[in-house]
Amino acid sequence: MTPAGLAAPPRPPAPALADSTAERLRLVVAPANGRFRPHVTSGSVLRGDLLAVLTGSRGREVEVRCPADLHVAGLLALPGQLVTAGQALLWASLGDACAR
């Protein structure tokens, strides 16, 4: 079982996307329902880094961790917004482990 927010390695791209910009784009989605509290809004992050915390009922917190070395381009949910499981939180591109 993988920790919340960490997905299995990506599948090979469809032939139509091979060597295109779309091949490198990624969406990070909410693993559970809760209030979105981002820890990163842009820049380079490494696999396992904390991207956000989702706060649910009774103070339950779910961490959203980076699934791969990425360059976060922007948020797709507002800080403090209630999100549902599977909702896109941010978009990013696969990165070459950029220096911090």
C-alpha atoms as a PDB file:
ATOM      1  CA  MET A   1       0.000   0.000   0.000  1.00  0.00           C
ATOM      2  CA  THR A   2       1.364   3.426  -0.898  1.00  0.00           C
ATOM      3  CA  PRO A   3       1.098   6.443   1.442  1.00  0.00           C
ATOM      4  CA  ALA A   4      -1.653   8.964   0.707  1.00  0.00           C
ATOM      5  CA  GLY A   5      -0.809  11.082  -2.319  1.00  0.00           C
ATOM      6  CA  LEU A   6       1.944   8.767  -3.613  1.00  0.00           C
ATOM      7  CA  ALA A   7       0.876   7.006  -6.766  1.00  0.00           C
ATOM      8  CA  ALA A   8       2.375   4.037  -8.537  1.00  0.00           C
ATOM      9  CA  PRO A   9       5.008   4.823 -11.182  1.00  0.00           C
ATOM     10  CA  PRO A  10       3.438   6.315 -14.321  1.00  0.00           C
ATOM     11  CA  ARG A  11       2.559   4.027 -17.196  1.00  0.00           C
ATOM     12  CA  PRO A  12       4.317   4.514 -20.524  1.00  0.00           C
ATOM     13  CA  PRO A  13       2.658   7.321 -22.506  1.00  0.00           C
ATOM     14  CA  ALA A  14       0.245   6.635 -25.292  1.00  0.00           C
ATOM     15  CA  PRO A  15       2.018   6.779 -28.668  1.00  0.00           C
ATOM     16  CA  ALA A  16       0.119   9.981 -29.536  1.00  0.00           C
ATOM     17  CA  LEU A  17       1.689  11.741 -26.510  1.00  0.00           C
ATOM     18  CA  ALA A  18       5.230  10.426 -26.903  1.00  0.00           C
ATOM     19  CA  ASP A  19       7.837  13.214 -26.983  1.00  0.00           C
ATOM     20  CA  SER A  20       5.197  15.911 -26.468  1.00  0.00           C
ATOM     21  CA  THR A  21       4.758  18.479 -23.713  1.00  0.00           C
ATOM     22  CA  ALA A  22       1.670  16.590 -22.519  1.00  0.00           C
ATOM     23  CA  GLU A  23       3.868  13.590 -21.713  1.00  0.00           C
ATOM     24  CA  ARG A  24       5.594  15.586 -18.940  1.00  0.00           C
ATOM     25  CA  LEU A  25       2.500  17.190 -17.348  1.00  0.00           C
ATOM     26  CA  ARG A  26       1.036  15.827 -14.111  1.00  0.00           C
ATOM     27  CA  LEU A  27      -1.952  16.581 -11.898  1.00  0.00           C
ATOM     28  CA  VAL A  28      -1.781  15.972  -8.158  1.00  0.00           C
ATOM     29  CA  VAL A  29      -5.208  15.017  -6.839  1.00  0.00           C
ATOM     30  CA  ALA A  30      -6.763  14.960  -3.381  1.00  0.00           C
ATOM     31  CA  PRO A  31      -6.564  11.510  -1.750  1.00  0.00           C
ATOM     32  CA  ALA A  32      -9.505  12.375   0.544  1.00  0.00           C
ATOM     33  CA  ASN A  33     -12.158  15.010   1.248  1.00  0.00           C
ATOM     34  CA  GLY A  34     -11.049  18.010   3.300  1.00  0.00           C
ATOM     35  CA  ARG A  35      -9.972  21.633   3.485  1.00  0.00           C
ATOM     36  CA  PHE A  36      -6.966  22.307   1.230  1.00  0.00           C
ATOM     37  CA  ARG A  37      -3.897  23.818   2.935  1.00  0.00           C
ATOM     38  CA  PRO A  38      -1.021  24.045   0.424  1.00  0.00           C
ATOM     39  CA  HIS A  39       2.583  23.967   1.624  1.00  0.00           C
ATOM     40  CA  VAL A  40       3.971  24.542  -1.878  1.00  0.00           C
ATOM     41  CA  THR A  41       2.498  26.883  -4.484  1.00  0.00           C
ATOM     42  CA  SER A  42       5.232  26.789  -7.137  1.00  0.00           C
ATOM     43  CA  GLY A  43       8.803  25.697  -7.742  1.00  0.00           C
ATOM     44  CA  SER A  44      10.738  22.448  -7.674  1.00  0.00           C
ATOM     45  CA  VAL A  45       9.913  19.658  -5.252  1.00  0.00           C
ATOM     46  CA  LEU A  46      11.317  16.177  -4.755  1.00  0.00           C
ATOM     47  CA  ARG A  47       9.520  12.852  -4.430  1.00  0.00           C
ATOM     48  CA  GLY A  48       8.083  12.540  -0.929  1.00  0.00           C
ATOM     49  CA  ASP A  49       8.075  16.286  -0.138  1.00  0.00           C
ATOM     50  CA  LEU A  50       4.946  17.620   1.567  1.00  0.00           C
ATOM     51  CA  LEU A  51       2.760  19.444  -0.971  1.00  0.00           C
ATOM     52  CA  ALA A  52      -0.358  20.063   1.105  1.00  0.00           C
ATOM     53  CA  VAL A  53      -2.469  18.964   4.034  1.00  0.00           C
ATOM     54  CA  LEU A  54      -6.178  18.211   3.821  1.00  0.00           C
ATOM     55  CA  THR A  55      -8.023  18.815   7.091  1.00  0.00           C
ATOM     56  CA  GLY A  56     -11.227  16.862   7.461  1.00  0.00           C
ATOM     57  CA  SER A  57     -13.857  16.321  10.098  1.00  0.00           C
ATOM     58  CA  ARG A  58     -12.820  16.020  13.729  1.00  0.00           C
ATOM     59  CA  GLY A  59      -9.403  17.488  12.931  1.00  0.00           C
ATOM     60  CA  ARG A  60      -8.294  14.539  10.799  1.00  0.00           C
ATOM     61  CA  GLU A  61      -5.336  15.521   8.603  1.00  0.00           C
ATOM     62  CA  VAL A  62      -4.206  13.803   5.418  1.00  0.00           C
ATOM     63  CA  GLU A  63      -0.819  14.701   3.966  1.00  0.00           C
ATOM     64  CA  VAL A  64      -0.456  15.070   0.207  1.00  0.00           C
ATOM     65  CA  ARG A  65       3.099  14.078  -0.735  1.00  0.00           C
ATOM     66  CA  CYS A  66       4.911  14.614  -4.019  1.00  0.00           C
ATOM     67  CA  PRO A  67       4.712  11.468  -6.195  1.00  0.00           C
ATOM     68  CA  ALA A  68       7.875  12.252  -8.223  1.00  0.00           C
ATOM     69  CA  ASP A  69      10.464  14.982  -8.767  1.00  0.00           C
ATOM     70  CA  LEU A  70       8.269  17.777 -10.112  1.00  0.00           C
ATOM     71  CA  HIS A  71       8.217  21.445 -10.953  1.00  0.00           C
ATOM     72  CA  VAL A  72       4.947  22.799  -9.533  1.00  0.00           C
ATOM     73  CA  ALA A  73       3.428  25.267 -11.992  1.00  0.00           C
ATOM     74  CA  GLY A  74       0.320  26.317 -10.098  1.00  0.00           C
ATOM     75  CA  LEU A  75      -2.607  25.543  -7.842  1.00  0.00           C
ATOM     76  CA  LEU A  76      -5.941  24.316  -9.175  1.00  0.00           C
ATOM     77  CA  ALA A  77      -7.734  24.711  -5.828  1.00  0.00           C
ATOM     78  CA  LEU A  78      -7.762  27.760  -3.591  1.00  0.00           C
ATOM     79  CA  PRO A  79      -6.106  27.688  -0.164  1.00  0.00           C
ATOM     80  CA  GLY A  80      -8.820  26.899   2.392  1.00  0.00           C
ATOM     81  CA  GLN A  81     -11.164  25.467  -0.253  1.00  0.00           C
ATOM     82  CA  LEU A  82     -13.131  22.307   0.539  1.00  0.00           C
ATOM     83  CA  VAL A  83     -12.050  19.618  -1.919  1.00  0.00           C
ATOM     84  CA  THR A  84     -13.278  16.117  -2.650  1.00  0.00           C
ATOM     85  CA  ALA A  85     -11.281  12.946  -3.162  1.00  0.00           C
ATOM     86  CA  GLY A  86      -9.961  12.853  -6.723  1.00  0.00           C
ATOM     87  CA  GLN A  87     -10.182  16.618  -7.260  1.00  0.00           C
ATOM     88  CA  ALA A  88      -7.100  18.163  -8.904  1.00  0.00           C
ATOM     89  CA  LEU A  89      -5.126  20.283  -6.421  1.00  0.00           C
ATOM     90  CA  LEU A  90      -2.158  21.434  -8.497  1.00  0.00           C
ATOM     91  CA  TRP A  91      -0.491  20.936 -11.830  1.00  0.00           C
ATOM     92  CA  ALA A  92       3.172  20.295 -12.476  1.00  0.00           C
ATOM     93  CA  SER A  93       5.684  18.961 -14.947  1.00  0.00           C
ATOM     94  CA  LEU A  94       8.163  16.175 -14.439  1.00  0.00           C
ATOM     95  CA  GLY A  95      11.411  17.751 -13.376  1.00  0.00           C
ATOM     96  CA  ASP A  96      15.065  16.936 -13.398  1.00  0.00           C
ATOM     97  CA  ALA A  97      15.569  17.153  -9.623  1.00  0.00           C
ATOM     98  CA  CYS A  98      16.144  20.874  -9.655  1.00  0.00           C
ATOM     99  CA  ALA A  99      18.411  22.376  -7.030  1.00  0.00           C
ATOM    100  CA  ARG A 100      16.582  24.055  -4.196  1.00  0.00           C
END
